[in-house]
Structures are given as C-alpha cells and as structure tokens.
Amino acid sequence: MKLTTTRRARESDSRDLFMWRNDPATRLASLNTSEIAWDDHSAWYSDALGKPSIALYISESSNVESESIGMCRFNISENQASAEVSINLNPEYRGKGLAQGVLHDSIQLFSEEFPNVRELTATIRTSNSASIKIFHSENFEIQNEEDGVYYLARSLRS
C-alpha cells in the first residue's frame, strides 16, 4: 500500500511550508540557515505558485486525510533542460523512512508534467548524510564538492 499521495502545492499549503522551513533542524541542514519572516515567505510563496519556472509538490499521508508530510521544489533552468530539486519534510514525519518516497513520487510527477527537462540537480551540505542517502537512492550522483557542499545530478531521460 502506498503511504503517500503527491499533488501540486496550493496557496493553502503556505503556512505549513513556512513552519517547516523555519524548523531548527531544517535551518541547520539548509544552505541558508537564517530564519525567514512570514511576510518574506508569503510574498515568495505567492510568486512561486505563479511562476512557470518553479514547480512545488506536496506529499500527503494516505493514512491521515490532508496531513502534509513533505514537499519538493523544482527550480527549472531558463533553457528548461534541467531543474534543481530540494526536499523538506514536516518535522513530525522525519525519521520515519518517508523522505525517499516523497522525493521519488515528486520526481515522477515532475517528469510527467515537464517532459523536456532532461536532468535534475541538487545541492546538499556534506554534513547532511540523510539527504545524501535519499538522493543517492534516486540515482543522483555527486558531481562536485566545494566548501562543504555536494553538487549532485541525475538524468531524467536516456
């Protein structure tokens, strides 16, 4: 049985993503460790939902109706050949083995909606072993390491 369902983000998801982004563990693993103000997040989120170069997906628990467990964001390059993907989980669902499914399902949905994108990239702190493991499980390979950050990539099309 599938543990999650994945859908496009909606305006009503904004508060959840704001809370998850400002969670101390999220901030520690992020490239930008600063706390984000609600007004800044709200403006960014509304803009992001309307941008064709950003795709946001929410994964929800199949067991608890409307309980969001994680998100993936894809920032699509200007030439639409690649996209950088990032993931964040609801702090209540961390450590339960769900992140790989959130990433997998989001990549699958993204690749259906954006068939021209041929490569995915990710940027992860070298100290974030959990994320590195999850991205490796989805066939991302380390391309480079610089200043404590891994740059990973994987092909979407053969």
N, C-alpha and C. Protein backbone atom coordinates (compact mmCIF):
# COMPACT_ATOMS: atom_id res chain seq x y z
N MET A 1 0.84 -1.19 0.00
CA MET A 1 0.00 0.00 0.00
C MET A 1 0.88 1.25 0.00
N LYS A 2 0.50 2.19 -0.82
CA LYS A 2 1.24 3.45 -0.95
C LYS A 2 0.99 4.30 0.30
N LEU A 3 2.09 4.83 0.86
CA LEU A 3 1.99 5.61 2.10
C LEU A 3 1.66 7.08 1.87
N THR A 4 1.93 7.56 0.64
CA THR A 4 1.71 8.98 0.36
C THR A 4 1.04 9.17 -0.99
N THR A 5 0.42 10.32 -1.13
CA THR A 5 -0.05 10.79 -2.43
C THR A 5 0.62 12.15 -2.65
N THR A 6 0.90 12.47 -3.89
CA THR A 6 1.60 13.71 -4.20
C THR A 6 0.77 14.53 -5.16
N ARG A 7 0.76 15.83 -4.92
CA ARG A 7 -0.02 16.77 -5.72
C ARG A 7 0.73 18.08 -5.82
N ARG A 8 0.26 18.96 -6.70
CA ARG A 8 0.82 20.30 -6.80
C ARG A 8 0.46 21.09 -5.54
N ALA A 9 1.37 21.95 -5.13
CA ALA A 9 1.12 22.80 -3.96
C ALA A 9 0.02 23.82 -4.27
N ARG A 10 -0.68 24.21 -3.21
CA ARG A 10 -1.75 25.22 -3.31
C ARG A 10 -1.45 26.35 -2.35
N GLU A 11 -2.17 27.43 -2.51
CA GLU A 11 -2.00 28.59 -1.62
C GLU A 11 -2.18 28.18 -0.16
N SER A 12 -3.09 27.25 0.10
CA SER A 12 -3.38 26.82 1.47
C SER A 12 -2.21 26.06 2.12
N ASP A 13 -1.19 25.68 1.36
CA ASP A 13 -0.02 24.98 1.90
C ASP A 13 1.03 25.94 2.44
N SER A 14 0.86 27.21 2.22
CA SER A 14 1.88 28.19 2.55
C SER A 14 2.31 28.15 4.02
N ARG A 15 1.36 28.09 4.93
CA ARG A 15 1.69 28.11 6.36
C ARG A 15 2.53 26.88 6.76
N ASP A 16 2.15 25.71 6.25
CA ASP A 16 2.93 24.51 6.55
C ASP A 16 4.37 24.66 6.08
N LEU A 17 4.58 25.10 4.85
CA LEU A 17 5.93 25.23 4.31
C LEU A 17 6.73 26.27 5.09
N PHE A 18 6.07 27.32 5.52
CA PHE A 18 6.73 28.34 6.35
C PHE A 18 7.22 27.74 7.66
N MET A 19 6.35 26.98 8.32
CA MET A 19 6.71 26.37 9.60
C MET A 19 7.86 25.36 9.41
N TRP A 20 7.76 24.53 8.39
CA TRP A 20 8.80 23.53 8.15
C TRP A 20 10.13 24.20 7.84
N ARG A 21 10.10 25.26 7.05
CA ARG A 21 11.33 25.95 6.64
C ARG A 21 12.04 26.56 7.85
N ASN A 22 11.28 27.05 8.81
CA ASN A 22 11.88 27.69 9.98
C ASN A 22 12.17 26.73 11.13
N ASP A 23 11.87 25.46 10.95
CA ASP A 23 12.19 24.46 11.95
C ASP A 23 13.72 24.44 12.14
N PRO A 24 14.20 24.39 13.38
CA PRO A 24 15.65 24.43 13.61
C PRO A 24 16.45 23.36 12.85
N ALA A 25 15.94 22.14 12.75
CA ALA A 25 16.66 21.08 12.03
C ALA A 25 16.73 21.39 10.53
N THR A 26 15.68 21.95 9.98
CA THR A 26 15.67 22.34 8.57
C THR A 26 16.70 23.44 8.33
N ARG A 27 16.68 24.42 9.20
CA ARG A 27 17.62 25.55 9.03
C ARG A 27 19.06 25.07 9.13
N LEU A 28 19.33 24.15 10.02
CA LEU A 28 20.68 23.63 10.19
C LEU A 28 21.16 22.92 8.93
N ALA A 29 20.27 22.23 8.23
CA ALA A 29 20.63 21.48 7.02
C ALA A 29 20.60 22.34 5.76
N SER A 30 19.99 23.50 5.82
CA SER A 30 19.83 24.36 4.65
C SER A 30 21.09 25.13 4.33
N LEU A 31 21.22 25.51 3.08
CA LEU A 31 22.34 26.36 2.69
C LEU A 31 22.17 27.75 3.30
N ASN A 32 20.92 28.23 3.36
CA ASN A 32 20.60 29.49 4.03
C ASN A 32 20.00 29.13 5.39
N THR A 33 20.76 29.36 6.46
CA THR A 33 20.33 28.94 7.79
C THR A 33 19.51 30.00 8.52
N SER A 34 19.28 31.14 7.89
CA SER A 34 18.53 32.22 8.53
C SER A 34 17.06 31.87 8.68
N GLU A 35 16.46 32.40 9.72
CA GLU A 35 15.01 32.28 9.87
C GLU A 35 14.36 33.22 8.86
N ILE A 36 13.28 32.77 8.26
CA ILE A 36 12.57 33.54 7.25
C ILE A 36 11.35 34.20 7.89
N ALA A 37 11.15 35.48 7.62
CA ALA A 37 10.00 36.22 8.14
C ALA A 37 8.75 35.82 7.35
N TRP A 38 7.59 35.82 8.02
CA TRP A 38 6.33 35.44 7.37
C TRP A 38 6.07 36.28 6.13
N ASP A 39 6.23 37.59 6.21
CA ASP A 39 5.95 38.45 5.05
C ASP A 39 6.84 38.09 3.86
N ASP A 40 8.11 37.80 4.12
CA ASP A 40 9.02 37.41 3.04
C ASP A 40 8.59 36.06 2.44
N HIS A 41 8.28 35.11 3.31
CA HIS A 41 7.84 33.80 2.83
C HIS A 41 6.55 33.93 2.02
N SER A 42 5.60 34.65 2.57
CA SER A 42 4.30 34.79 1.93
C SER A 42 4.42 35.39 0.53
N ALA A 43 5.24 36.43 0.40
CA ALA A 43 5.44 37.06 -0.91
C ALA A 43 6.13 36.09 -1.86
N TRP A 44 7.17 35.40 -1.37
CA TRP A 44 7.88 34.44 -2.21
C TRP A 44 6.94 33.31 -2.65
N TYR A 45 6.16 32.79 -1.71
CA TYR A 45 5.30 31.64 -1.99
C TYR A 45 4.25 31.98 -3.04
N SER A 46 3.59 33.12 -2.88
CA SER A 46 2.58 33.52 -3.87
C SER A 46 3.20 33.68 -5.24
N ASP A 47 4.39 34.26 -5.28
CA ASP A 47 5.11 34.44 -6.54
C ASP A 47 5.49 33.07 -7.12
N ALA A 48 5.99 32.19 -6.27
CA ALA A 48 6.44 30.87 -6.73
C ALA A 48 5.30 30.06 -7.34
N LEU A 49 4.12 30.13 -6.75
CA LEU A 49 2.99 29.36 -7.28
C LEU A 49 2.63 29.79 -8.70
N GLY A 50 2.88 31.06 -9.03
CA GLY A 50 2.53 31.57 -10.35
C GLY A 50 3.65 31.51 -11.37
N LYS A 51 4.84 31.12 -10.95
CA LYS A 51 5.99 31.09 -11.86
C LYS A 51 6.07 29.77 -12.62
N PRO A 52 6.17 29.83 -13.94
CA PRO A 52 6.33 28.58 -14.69
C PRO A 52 7.70 27.92 -14.47
N SER A 53 8.65 28.64 -13.89
CA SER A 53 9.98 28.08 -13.65
C SER A 53 10.12 27.42 -12.28
N ILE A 54 9.03 27.37 -11.52
CA ILE A 54 9.05 26.71 -10.21
C ILE A 54 7.87 25.74 -10.14
N ALA A 55 8.17 24.51 -9.74
CA ALA A 55 7.12 23.52 -9.52
C ALA A 55 7.23 23.05 -8.08
N LEU A 56 6.15 23.20 -7.32
CA LEU A 56 6.11 22.80 -5.92
C LEU A 56 5.12 21.64 -5.77
N TYR A 57 5.56 20.58 -5.09
CA TYR A 57 4.72 19.41 -4.86
C TYR A 57 4.61 19.13 -3.37
N ILE A 58 3.44 18.71 -2.96
CA ILE A 58 3.16 18.34 -1.58
C ILE A 58 2.81 16.86 -1.54
N SER A 59 3.42 16.15 -0.62
CA SER A 59 3.06 14.75 -0.39
C SER A 59 2.25 14.68 0.89
N GLU A 60 1.16 13.95 0.81
CA GLU A 60 0.26 13.81 1.95
C GLU A 60 0.20 12.35 2.37
N SER A 61 -0.08 12.15 3.64
CA SER A 61 -0.23 10.81 4.18
C SER A 61 -1.49 10.18 3.61
N SER A 62 -1.38 8.92 3.21
CA SER A 62 -2.57 8.19 2.76
C SER A 62 -3.40 7.72 3.94
N ASN A 63 -2.78 7.71 5.13
CA ASN A 63 -3.47 7.23 6.34
C ASN A 63 -4.23 8.34 7.05
N VAL A 64 -3.68 9.56 7.03
CA VAL A 64 -4.31 10.68 7.72
C VAL A 64 -4.72 11.70 6.66
N GLU A 65 -6.02 11.85 6.48
CA GLU A 65 -6.52 12.71 5.42
C GLU A 65 -6.00 14.14 5.57
N SER A 66 -5.46 14.65 4.47
CA SER A 66 -4.98 16.03 4.36
C SER A 66 -3.79 16.34 5.28
N GLU A 67 -3.10 15.35 5.78
CA GLU A 67 -1.91 15.58 6.60
C GLU A 67 -0.70 15.64 5.68
N SER A 68 -0.14 16.83 5.52
CA SER A 68 1.02 17.02 4.65
C SER A 68 2.27 16.52 5.35
N ILE A 69 3.04 15.69 4.64
CA ILE A 69 4.24 15.13 5.26
C ILE A 69 5.54 15.68 4.67
N GLY A 70 5.46 16.26 3.48
CA GLY A 70 6.68 16.78 2.89
C GLY A 70 6.42 17.53 1.61
N MET A 71 7.50 18.18 1.13
CA MET A 71 7.40 18.94 -0.11
C MET A 71 8.67 18.78 -0.92
N CYS A 72 8.53 18.95 -2.23
CA CYS A 72 9.68 19.05 -3.13
C CYS A 72 9.48 20.28 -4.00
N ARG A 73 10.58 21.00 -4.19
CA ARG A 73 10.55 22.18 -5.07
C ARG A 73 11.52 21.93 -6.21
N PHE A 74 11.09 22.25 -7.42
CA PHE A 74 11.92 22.15 -8.60
C PHE A 74 12.07 23.54 -9.20
N ASN A 75 13.30 24.03 -9.26
CA ASN A 75 13.60 25.30 -9.91
C ASN A 75 14.11 24.98 -11.31
N ILE A 76 13.32 25.30 -12.31
CA ILE A 76 13.62 24.93 -13.69
C ILE A 76 14.54 25.97 -14.31
N SER A 77 15.59 25.50 -15.00
CA SER A 77 16.55 26.41 -15.64
C SER A 77 15.87 27.20 -16.76
N GLU A 78 16.52 28.29 -17.13
CA GLU A 78 15.97 29.17 -18.16
C GLU A 78 15.76 28.43 -19.48
N ASN A 79 16.70 27.54 -19.84
CA ASN A 79 16.55 26.80 -21.10
C ASN A 79 15.67 25.55 -20.94
N GLN A 80 15.18 25.31 -19.75
CA GLN A 80 14.27 24.21 -19.41
C GLN A 80 14.89 22.83 -19.62
N ALA A 81 16.21 22.75 -19.67
CA ALA A 81 16.88 21.46 -19.85
C ALA A 81 17.13 20.78 -18.51
N SER A 82 17.17 21.56 -17.42
CA SER A 82 17.46 20.98 -16.11
C SER A 82 16.63 21.68 -15.03
N ALA A 83 16.61 21.06 -13.88
CA ALA A 83 15.91 21.64 -12.73
C ALA A 83 16.64 21.24 -11.46
N GLU A 84 16.74 22.19 -10.53
CA GLU A 84 17.32 21.87 -9.23
C GLU A 84 16.19 21.49 -8.29
N VAL A 85 16.35 20.37 -7.60
CA VAL A 85 15.31 19.86 -6.71
C VAL A 85 15.77 19.97 -5.27
N SER A 86 14.83 20.34 -4.41
CA SER A 86 15.09 20.33 -2.97
C SER A 86 13.88 19.69 -2.28
N ILE A 87 14.13 19.17 -1.09
CA ILE A 87 13.09 18.46 -0.35
C ILE A 87 13.08 18.95 1.09
N ASN A 88 11.90 18.96 1.69
CA ASN A 88 11.79 19.26 3.12
C ASN A 88 10.60 18.48 3.65
N LEU A 89 10.76 17.93 4.84
CA LEU A 89 9.69 17.16 5.46
C LEU A 89 9.09 17.92 6.63
N ASN A 90 7.82 17.65 6.85
CA ASN A 90 7.15 18.08 8.07
C ASN A 90 7.96 17.47 9.22
N PRO A 91 8.40 18.29 10.19
CA PRO A 91 9.23 17.76 11.28
C PRO A 91 8.61 16.56 12.00
N GLU A 92 7.29 16.47 12.04
CA GLU A 92 6.62 15.34 12.71
C GLU A 92 6.83 14.02 11.97
N TYR A 93 7.23 14.07 10.70
CA TYR A 93 7.39 12.86 9.90
C TYR A 93 8.83 12.51 9.61
N ARG A 94 9.76 13.25 10.15
CA ARG A 94 11.17 12.94 9.93
C ARG A 94 11.55 11.66 10.67
N GLY A 95 12.49 10.94 10.08
CA GLY A 95 12.99 9.72 10.71
C GLY A 95 12.05 8.53 10.60
N LYS A 96 11.04 8.62 9.75
CA LYS A 96 10.07 7.53 9.60
C LYS A 96 10.20 6.82 8.26
N GLY A 97 11.27 7.15 7.52
CA GLY A 97 11.51 6.48 6.25
C GLY A 97 10.62 6.92 5.11
N LEU A 98 10.07 8.12 5.18
CA LEU A 98 9.14 8.59 4.16
C LEU A 98 9.77 9.51 3.12
N ALA A 99 10.93 10.06 3.40
CA ALA A 99 11.53 11.08 2.52
C ALA A 99 11.83 10.54 1.13
N GLN A 100 12.32 9.32 1.04
CA GLN A 100 12.64 8.76 -0.27
C GLN A 100 11.39 8.64 -1.13
N GLY A 101 10.27 8.26 -0.54
CA GLY A 101 9.01 8.18 -1.28
C GLY A 101 8.51 9.55 -1.72
N VAL A 102 8.68 10.54 -0.85
CA VAL A 102 8.30 11.92 -1.20
C VAL A 102 9.12 12.38 -2.41
N LEU A 103 10.42 12.15 -2.36
CA LEU A 103 11.28 12.56 -3.47
C LEU A 103 10.95 11.77 -4.73
N HIS A 104 10.82 10.47 -4.62
CA HIS A 104 10.52 9.61 -5.77
C HIS A 104 9.22 10.03 -6.46
N ASP A 105 8.15 10.15 -5.68
CA ASP A 105 6.85 10.49 -6.26
C ASP A 105 6.85 11.89 -6.86
N SER A 106 7.54 12.81 -6.23
CA SER A 106 7.61 14.18 -6.77
C SER A 106 8.38 14.20 -8.09
N ILE A 107 9.48 13.46 -8.15
CA ILE A 107 10.25 13.39 -9.40
C ILE A 107 9.40 12.78 -10.50
N GLN A 108 8.66 11.74 -10.17
CA GLN A 108 7.81 11.09 -11.17
C GLN A 108 6.76 12.06 -11.71
N LEU A 109 6.08 12.76 -10.82
CA LEU A 109 5.06 13.73 -11.24
C LEU A 109 5.69 14.87 -12.03
N PHE A 110 6.82 15.37 -11.55
CA PHE A 110 7.51 16.46 -12.24
C PHE A 110 7.90 16.04 -13.65
N SER A 111 8.46 14.85 -13.81
CA SER A 111 8.92 14.41 -15.13
C SER A 111 7.75 14.22 -16.11
N GLU A 112 6.58 13.89 -15.59
CA GLU A 112 5.38 13.79 -16.44
C GLU A 112 4.92 15.19 -16.88
N GLU A 113 4.97 16.13 -15.95
CA GLU A 113 4.50 17.49 -16.26
C GLU A 113 5.50 18.30 -17.07
N PHE A 114 6.79 17.95 -16.97
CA PHE A 114 7.84 18.71 -17.65
C PHE A 114 8.73 17.75 -18.45
N PRO A 115 8.19 17.19 -19.54
CA PRO A 115 8.92 16.16 -20.29
C PRO A 115 10.20 16.67 -20.96
N ASN A 116 10.37 17.96 -21.12
CA ASN A 116 11.57 18.49 -21.77
C ASN A 116 12.76 18.58 -20.83
N VAL A 117 12.53 18.54 -19.53
CA VAL A 117 13.63 18.60 -18.57
C VAL A 117 14.36 17.26 -18.60
N ARG A 118 15.67 17.32 -18.86
CA ARG A 118 16.45 16.10 -19.04
C ARG A 118 17.34 15.76 -17.85
N GLU A 119 17.58 16.74 -16.97
CA GLU A 119 18.50 16.49 -15.85
C GLU A 119 17.99 17.17 -14.59
N LEU A 120 18.18 16.50 -13.47
CA LEU A 120 17.89 17.08 -12.17
C LEU A 120 19.21 17.26 -11.42
N THR A 121 19.29 18.35 -10.68
CA THR A 121 20.45 18.61 -9.84
C THR A 121 19.99 18.86 -8.42
N ALA A 122 20.91 18.75 -7.49
CA ALA A 122 20.62 19.02 -6.07
C ALA A 122 21.90 19.54 -5.44
N THR A 123 21.73 20.38 -4.44
CA THR A 123 22.84 20.94 -3.68
C THR A 123 22.60 20.60 -2.21
N ILE A 124 23.53 19.86 -1.61
CA ILE A 124 23.33 19.34 -0.25
C ILE A 124 24.60 19.53 0.56
N ARG A 125 24.45 20.00 1.79
CA ARG A 125 25.60 20.09 2.69
C ARG A 125 26.22 18.71 2.87
N THR A 126 27.55 18.65 2.88
CA THR A 126 28.23 17.36 3.04
C THR A 126 27.90 16.71 4.39
N SER A 127 27.50 17.52 5.37
CA SER A 127 27.15 17.00 6.69
C SER A 127 25.73 16.42 6.76
N ASN A 128 24.95 16.60 5.71
CA ASN A 128 23.55 16.15 5.70
C ASN A 128 23.47 14.73 5.12
N SER A 129 23.95 13.76 5.89
CA SER A 129 24.03 12.38 5.40
C SER A 129 22.66 11.79 5.06
N ALA A 130 21.62 12.19 5.77
CA ALA A 130 20.28 11.65 5.48
C ALA A 130 19.83 12.06 4.08
N SER A 131 19.98 13.33 3.74
CA SER A 131 19.59 13.79 2.39
C SER A 131 20.45 13.15 1.32
N ILE A 132 21.74 13.05 1.57
CA ILE A 132 22.63 12.45 0.58
C ILE A 132 22.19 11.01 0.29
N LYS A 133 21.86 10.26 1.33
CA LYS A 133 21.41 8.87 1.17
C LYS A 133 20.11 8.81 0.35
N ILE A 134 19.18 9.72 0.65
CA ILE A 134 17.89 9.74 -0.06
C ILE A 134 18.09 10.06 -1.54
N PHE A 135 18.92 11.05 -1.83
CA PHE A 135 19.16 11.42 -3.22
C PHE A 135 19.93 10.31 -3.95
N HIS A 136 20.88 9.66 -3.29
CA HIS A 136 21.57 8.52 -3.89
C HIS A 136 20.58 7.42 -4.26
N SER A 137 19.59 7.19 -3.40
CA SER A 137 18.61 6.13 -3.66
C SER A 137 17.76 6.44 -4.89
N GLU A 138 17.76 7.72 -5.30
CA GLU A 138 17.03 8.13 -6.51
C GLU A 138 17.98 8.39 -7.68
N ASN A 139 19.15 7.75 -7.61
CA ASN A 139 20.14 7.75 -8.70
C ASN A 139 20.85 9.09 -8.93
N PHE A 140 20.87 9.95 -7.93
CA PHE A 140 21.69 11.17 -8.01
C PHE A 140 23.12 10.77 -7.69
N GLU A 141 24.06 11.34 -8.42
CA GLU A 141 25.47 11.09 -8.18
C GLU A 141 26.19 12.40 -7.89
N ILE A 142 27.14 12.33 -6.99
CA ILE A 142 27.92 13.53 -6.65
C ILE A 142 28.79 13.90 -7.85
N GLN A 143 28.66 15.16 -8.26
CA GLN A 143 29.43 15.68 -9.38
C GLN A 143 30.64 16.47 -8.91
N ASN A 144 30.47 17.12 -7.74
CA ASN A 144 31.50 18.03 -7.25
C ASN A 144 31.26 18.27 -5.76
N GLU A 145 32.31 18.69 -5.08
CA GLU A 145 32.20 19.10 -3.67
C GLU A 145 33.02 20.36 -3.52
N GLU A 146 32.39 21.35 -2.91
CA GLU A 146 33.06 22.63 -2.71
C GLU A 146 32.54 23.29 -1.45
N ASP A 147 33.45 23.70 -0.59
CA ASP A 147 33.11 24.44 0.64
C ASP A 147 32.03 23.74 1.47
N GLY A 148 32.15 22.43 1.63
CA GLY A 148 31.21 21.69 2.46
C GLY A 148 29.85 21.44 1.83
N VAL A 149 29.78 21.56 0.50
CA VAL A 149 28.53 21.35 -0.22
C VAL A 149 28.77 20.37 -1.36
N TYR A 150 27.89 19.36 -1.47
CA TYR A 150 27.92 18.44 -2.60
C TYR A 150 26.97 18.96 -3.68
N TYR A 151 27.40 18.81 -4.92
CA TYR A 151 26.56 19.11 -6.07
C TYR A 151 26.28 17.78 -6.75
N LEU A 152 25.01 17.41 -6.80
CA LEU A 152 24.60 16.12 -7.33
C LEU A 152 23.78 16.32 -8.60
N ALA A 153 23.70 15.26 -9.40
CA ALA A 153 22.90 15.31 -10.63
C ALA A 153 22.44 13.91 -11.00
N ARG A 154 21.37 13.87 -11.76
CA ARG A 154 20.89 12.61 -12.36
C ARG A 154 20.15 12.94 -13.63
N SER A 155 20.19 12.00 -14.54
CA SER A 155 19.49 12.15 -15.81
C SER A 155 18.04 11.73 -15.64
N LEU A 156 17.15 12.42 -16.34
CA LEU A 156 15.74 12.01 -16.35
C LEU A 156 15.39 11.22 -17.60
N ARG A 157 16.13 11.46 -18.65
CA ARG A 157 15.86 10.82 -19.94
C ARG A 157 17.12 10.14 -20.42
N SER A 158 16.97 9.00 -21.10
CA SER A 158 18.16 8.34 -21.64
C SER A 158 18.43 8.79 -23.06
